[in-house]
N, C-alpha and C. Protein backbone atom coordinates (compact mmCIF):
# COMPACT_ATOMS: atom_id res chain seq x y z
N MET A 1 -16.21 -19.92 -12.55
CA MET A 1 -15.50 -19.18 -11.54
C MET A 1 -15.73 -17.69 -11.78
N PRO A 2 -16.05 -16.92 -10.71
CA PRO A 2 -16.33 -15.50 -10.90
C PRO A 2 -15.08 -14.73 -11.26
N LYS A 3 -15.29 -13.66 -12.03
CA LYS A 3 -14.17 -12.80 -12.37
C LYS A 3 -13.81 -11.96 -11.15
N ARG A 4 -12.56 -11.71 -10.98
CA ARG A 4 -12.09 -10.97 -9.82
C ARG A 4 -11.64 -9.56 -10.19
N SER A 5 -12.08 -9.07 -11.34
CA SER A 5 -11.64 -7.76 -11.79
C SER A 5 -12.12 -6.64 -10.87
N ARG A 6 -13.22 -6.86 -10.17
CA ARG A 6 -13.73 -5.83 -9.27
C ARG A 6 -12.75 -5.55 -8.13
N MET A 7 -11.97 -6.55 -7.74
CA MET A 7 -11.05 -6.39 -6.62
C MET A 7 -9.77 -5.66 -7.01
N SER A 8 -9.52 -5.51 -8.29
CA SER A 8 -8.26 -4.91 -8.72
C SER A 8 -8.30 -3.39 -8.76
N ARG A 9 -9.38 -2.79 -8.33
CA ARG A 9 -9.48 -1.34 -8.35
C ARG A 9 -8.50 -0.73 -7.34
N ASP A 10 -7.95 0.41 -7.71
CA ASP A 10 -7.07 1.07 -6.75
C ASP A 10 -7.93 1.89 -5.78
N PHE A 11 -7.29 2.53 -4.84
CA PHE A 11 -7.99 3.25 -3.78
C PHE A 11 -8.93 4.31 -4.34
N ASN A 12 -8.47 5.09 -5.30
CA ASN A 12 -9.29 6.16 -5.86
C ASN A 12 -10.53 5.62 -6.57
N GLN A 13 -10.38 4.54 -7.31
CA GLN A 13 -11.52 3.95 -8.00
C GLN A 13 -12.55 3.42 -7.00
N ARG A 14 -12.07 2.79 -5.93
CA ARG A 14 -13.00 2.29 -4.92
C ARG A 14 -13.70 3.43 -4.21
N ALA A 15 -12.97 4.52 -3.94
CA ALA A 15 -13.57 5.68 -3.29
C ALA A 15 -14.67 6.28 -4.17
N LYS A 16 -14.39 6.41 -5.48
CA LYS A 16 -15.38 6.95 -6.41
C LYS A 16 -16.63 6.05 -6.45
N MET A 17 -16.42 4.75 -6.49
CA MET A 17 -17.54 3.83 -6.53
C MET A 17 -18.37 3.93 -5.24
N THR A 18 -17.70 4.09 -4.10
CA THR A 18 -18.40 4.21 -2.83
C THR A 18 -19.27 5.47 -2.81
N VAL A 19 -18.74 6.56 -3.30
CA VAL A 19 -19.52 7.81 -3.36
C VAL A 19 -20.71 7.64 -4.30
N GLU A 20 -20.49 7.04 -5.46
CA GLU A 20 -21.59 6.84 -6.41
C GLU A 20 -22.68 5.95 -5.81
N LEU A 21 -22.29 4.91 -5.10
CA LEU A 21 -23.28 4.03 -4.48
C LEU A 21 -24.05 4.75 -3.38
N SER A 22 -23.34 5.53 -2.56
CA SER A 22 -24.00 6.21 -1.44
C SER A 22 -24.89 7.36 -1.89
N THR A 23 -24.61 7.95 -3.05
CA THR A 23 -25.45 9.03 -3.56
C THR A 23 -26.45 8.53 -4.61
N HIS A 24 -26.55 7.24 -4.75
CA HIS A 24 -27.49 6.58 -5.66
C HIS A 24 -27.27 6.97 -7.12
N GLN A 25 -26.04 7.29 -7.48
CA GLN A 25 -25.71 7.55 -8.87
C GLN A 25 -25.36 6.26 -9.59
N ARG A 26 -25.21 5.20 -8.82
CA ARG A 26 -24.85 3.91 -9.39
C ARG A 26 -25.58 2.82 -8.61
N GLU A 27 -26.06 1.82 -9.32
CA GLU A 27 -26.75 0.71 -8.69
C GLU A 27 -25.72 -0.34 -8.24
N PRO A 28 -25.93 -0.95 -7.09
CA PRO A 28 -25.01 -2.01 -6.66
C PRO A 28 -25.12 -3.21 -7.59
N ASP A 29 -24.07 -4.01 -7.60
CA ASP A 29 -24.09 -5.22 -8.43
C ASP A 29 -25.23 -6.11 -7.97
N ALA A 30 -26.10 -6.46 -8.90
CA ALA A 30 -27.29 -7.24 -8.57
C ALA A 30 -27.00 -8.74 -8.48
N GLU A 31 -25.82 -9.15 -8.89
CA GLU A 31 -25.50 -10.56 -8.95
C GLU A 31 -24.91 -11.03 -7.61
N PRO A 32 -25.70 -11.77 -6.80
CA PRO A 32 -25.15 -12.24 -5.52
C PRO A 32 -24.13 -13.36 -5.73
N ARG A 33 -23.20 -13.48 -4.82
CA ARG A 33 -22.20 -14.53 -4.92
C ARG A 33 -22.83 -15.86 -4.53
N VAL A 34 -22.54 -16.87 -5.30
CA VAL A 34 -23.07 -18.20 -5.04
C VAL A 34 -21.90 -19.12 -4.71
N LYS A 35 -21.99 -19.79 -3.57
CA LYS A 35 -20.92 -20.69 -3.18
C LYS A 35 -21.17 -22.07 -3.74
N ASP A 36 -20.11 -22.75 -4.08
CA ASP A 36 -20.19 -24.11 -4.59
C ASP A 36 -20.50 -25.04 -3.41
N PRO A 37 -21.65 -25.73 -3.41
CA PRO A 37 -22.02 -26.58 -2.28
C PRO A 37 -20.99 -27.67 -1.99
N ALA A 38 -20.35 -28.19 -3.03
CA ALA A 38 -19.35 -29.24 -2.82
C ALA A 38 -18.14 -28.68 -2.07
N ALA A 39 -17.73 -27.46 -2.41
CA ALA A 39 -16.59 -26.84 -1.74
C ALA A 39 -16.95 -26.50 -0.29
N VAL A 40 -18.17 -26.05 -0.06
CA VAL A 40 -18.62 -25.73 1.29
C VAL A 40 -18.61 -26.99 2.15
N ALA A 41 -19.13 -28.09 1.61
CA ALA A 41 -19.16 -29.35 2.35
C ALA A 41 -17.76 -29.85 2.66
N LEU A 42 -16.86 -29.73 1.70
CA LEU A 42 -15.49 -30.18 1.91
C LEU A 42 -14.80 -29.35 2.99
N GLY A 43 -14.98 -28.05 2.96
CA GLY A 43 -14.38 -27.18 3.97
C GLY A 43 -14.95 -27.45 5.34
N ARG A 44 -16.24 -27.68 5.40
CA ARG A 44 -16.89 -27.97 6.68
C ARG A 44 -16.37 -29.28 7.25
N LYS A 45 -16.22 -30.28 6.40
CA LYS A 45 -15.74 -31.58 6.84
C LYS A 45 -14.33 -31.45 7.42
N GLY A 46 -13.47 -30.72 6.74
CA GLY A 46 -12.10 -30.53 7.22
C GLY A 46 -12.06 -29.80 8.54
N GLY A 47 -12.93 -28.80 8.69
CA GLY A 47 -12.99 -28.05 9.94
C GLY A 47 -13.45 -28.90 11.11
N LEU A 48 -14.38 -29.79 10.86
CA LEU A 48 -14.88 -30.64 11.93
C LEU A 48 -13.86 -31.69 12.35
N VAL A 49 -13.09 -32.17 11.39
CA VAL A 49 -12.14 -33.24 11.67
C VAL A 49 -10.83 -32.69 12.22
N GLY A 50 -10.40 -31.53 11.75
CA GLY A 50 -9.08 -31.00 12.07
C GLY A 50 -8.77 -30.83 13.54
N GLY A 51 -9.65 -30.22 14.29
CA GLY A 51 -9.40 -29.97 15.71
C GLY A 51 -9.28 -31.24 16.51
N LYS A 52 -10.14 -32.18 16.22
CA LYS A 52 -10.11 -33.45 16.94
C LYS A 52 -8.83 -34.22 16.63
N ALA A 53 -8.46 -34.25 15.35
CA ALA A 53 -7.24 -34.95 14.94
C ALA A 53 -6.02 -34.30 15.58
N ARG A 54 -5.99 -32.99 15.65
CA ARG A 54 -4.85 -32.30 16.26
C ARG A 54 -4.78 -32.60 17.75
N ALA A 55 -5.92 -32.60 18.42
CA ALA A 55 -5.95 -32.89 19.86
C ALA A 55 -5.46 -34.31 20.15
N GLU A 56 -5.78 -35.25 19.28
CA GLU A 56 -5.35 -36.62 19.49
C GLU A 56 -3.84 -36.77 19.35
N LYS A 57 -3.22 -35.93 18.53
CA LYS A 57 -1.78 -36.01 18.31
C LYS A 57 -0.99 -35.36 19.43
N LEU A 58 -1.60 -34.43 20.18
CA LEU A 58 -0.89 -33.73 21.25
C LEU A 58 -0.78 -34.60 22.49
N THR A 59 0.30 -34.41 23.21
CA THR A 59 0.44 -35.10 24.49
C THR A 59 -0.39 -34.35 25.52
N ALA A 60 -0.58 -34.97 26.68
CA ALA A 60 -1.36 -34.33 27.74
C ALA A 60 -0.71 -33.02 28.16
N GLN A 61 0.61 -33.00 28.23
CA GLN A 61 1.32 -31.79 28.63
C GLN A 61 1.12 -30.68 27.58
N GLU A 62 1.18 -31.04 26.29
CA GLU A 62 0.98 -30.04 25.23
C GLU A 62 -0.44 -29.49 25.25
N ARG A 63 -1.43 -30.36 25.49
CA ARG A 63 -2.82 -29.90 25.59
C ARG A 63 -3.00 -28.96 26.76
N SER A 64 -2.37 -29.29 27.88
CA SER A 64 -2.47 -28.46 29.07
C SER A 64 -1.85 -27.09 28.82
N GLU A 65 -0.69 -27.07 28.18
CA GLU A 65 -0.02 -25.80 27.86
C GLU A 65 -0.89 -24.96 26.92
N SER A 66 -1.49 -25.58 25.93
CA SER A 66 -2.34 -24.87 24.99
C SER A 66 -3.56 -24.28 25.71
N ALA A 67 -4.16 -25.06 26.60
CA ALA A 67 -5.32 -24.58 27.36
C ALA A 67 -4.94 -23.44 28.28
N ARG A 68 -3.77 -23.52 28.89
CA ARG A 68 -3.30 -22.46 29.78
C ARG A 68 -3.11 -21.16 29.00
N LYS A 69 -2.50 -21.25 27.82
CA LYS A 69 -2.29 -20.06 26.99
C LYS A 69 -3.63 -19.45 26.58
N ALA A 70 -4.59 -20.30 26.23
CA ALA A 70 -5.91 -19.80 25.83
C ALA A 70 -6.60 -19.08 26.98
N ALA A 71 -6.51 -19.65 28.18
CA ALA A 71 -7.14 -19.04 29.36
C ALA A 71 -6.48 -17.69 29.67
N GLU A 72 -5.16 -17.63 29.58
CA GLU A 72 -4.47 -16.36 29.83
C GLU A 72 -4.88 -15.31 28.80
N ALA A 73 -5.02 -15.71 27.55
CA ALA A 73 -5.43 -14.77 26.50
C ALA A 73 -6.84 -14.25 26.77
N ARG A 74 -7.74 -15.12 27.22
CA ARG A 74 -9.11 -14.68 27.52
C ARG A 74 -9.13 -13.69 28.67
N TRP A 75 -8.33 -13.93 29.69
CA TRP A 75 -8.33 -13.04 30.85
C TRP A 75 -7.64 -11.72 30.56
N ARG A 76 -6.76 -11.68 29.57
CA ARG A 76 -6.06 -10.45 29.21
C ARG A 76 -6.96 -9.51 28.43
N ARG A 77 -7.97 -10.02 27.76
CA ARG A 77 -8.83 -9.19 26.92
C ARG A 77 -9.57 -8.13 27.76
N PRO A 78 -9.78 -6.96 27.15
CA PRO A 78 -10.59 -5.95 27.86
C PRO A 78 -12.04 -6.43 27.95
N THR A 79 -12.74 -6.03 28.98
CA THR A 79 -14.12 -6.51 29.19
C THR A 79 -15.14 -5.67 28.45
N GLU A 80 -14.73 -4.64 27.72
CA GLU A 80 -15.68 -3.81 26.99
C GLU A 80 -16.32 -4.62 25.86
N GLY A 81 -17.61 -4.39 25.65
CA GLY A 81 -18.29 -5.04 24.55
C GLY A 81 -18.85 -6.41 24.89
N ARG A 82 -18.66 -6.85 26.09
CA ARG A 82 -19.21 -8.16 26.48
C ARG A 82 -20.59 -8.03 27.00
């Protein structure tokens, strides 16, 4: 398991590191993060199954209400960036 000490820096330490990286006074960490394939597969499996299982548990009225809310949210969004 990777050490998480890099995340515990306070704002000033992170700011200093950002300046050092941008001015090439410090090299970025060369060690890329590696994901555990078993964990990735397990998360993917849960994601694929979860939505379908939830939809099967909802009544037709609940599904309709959920779809209506989603459509309203899409139409409320600003059109910039599309």
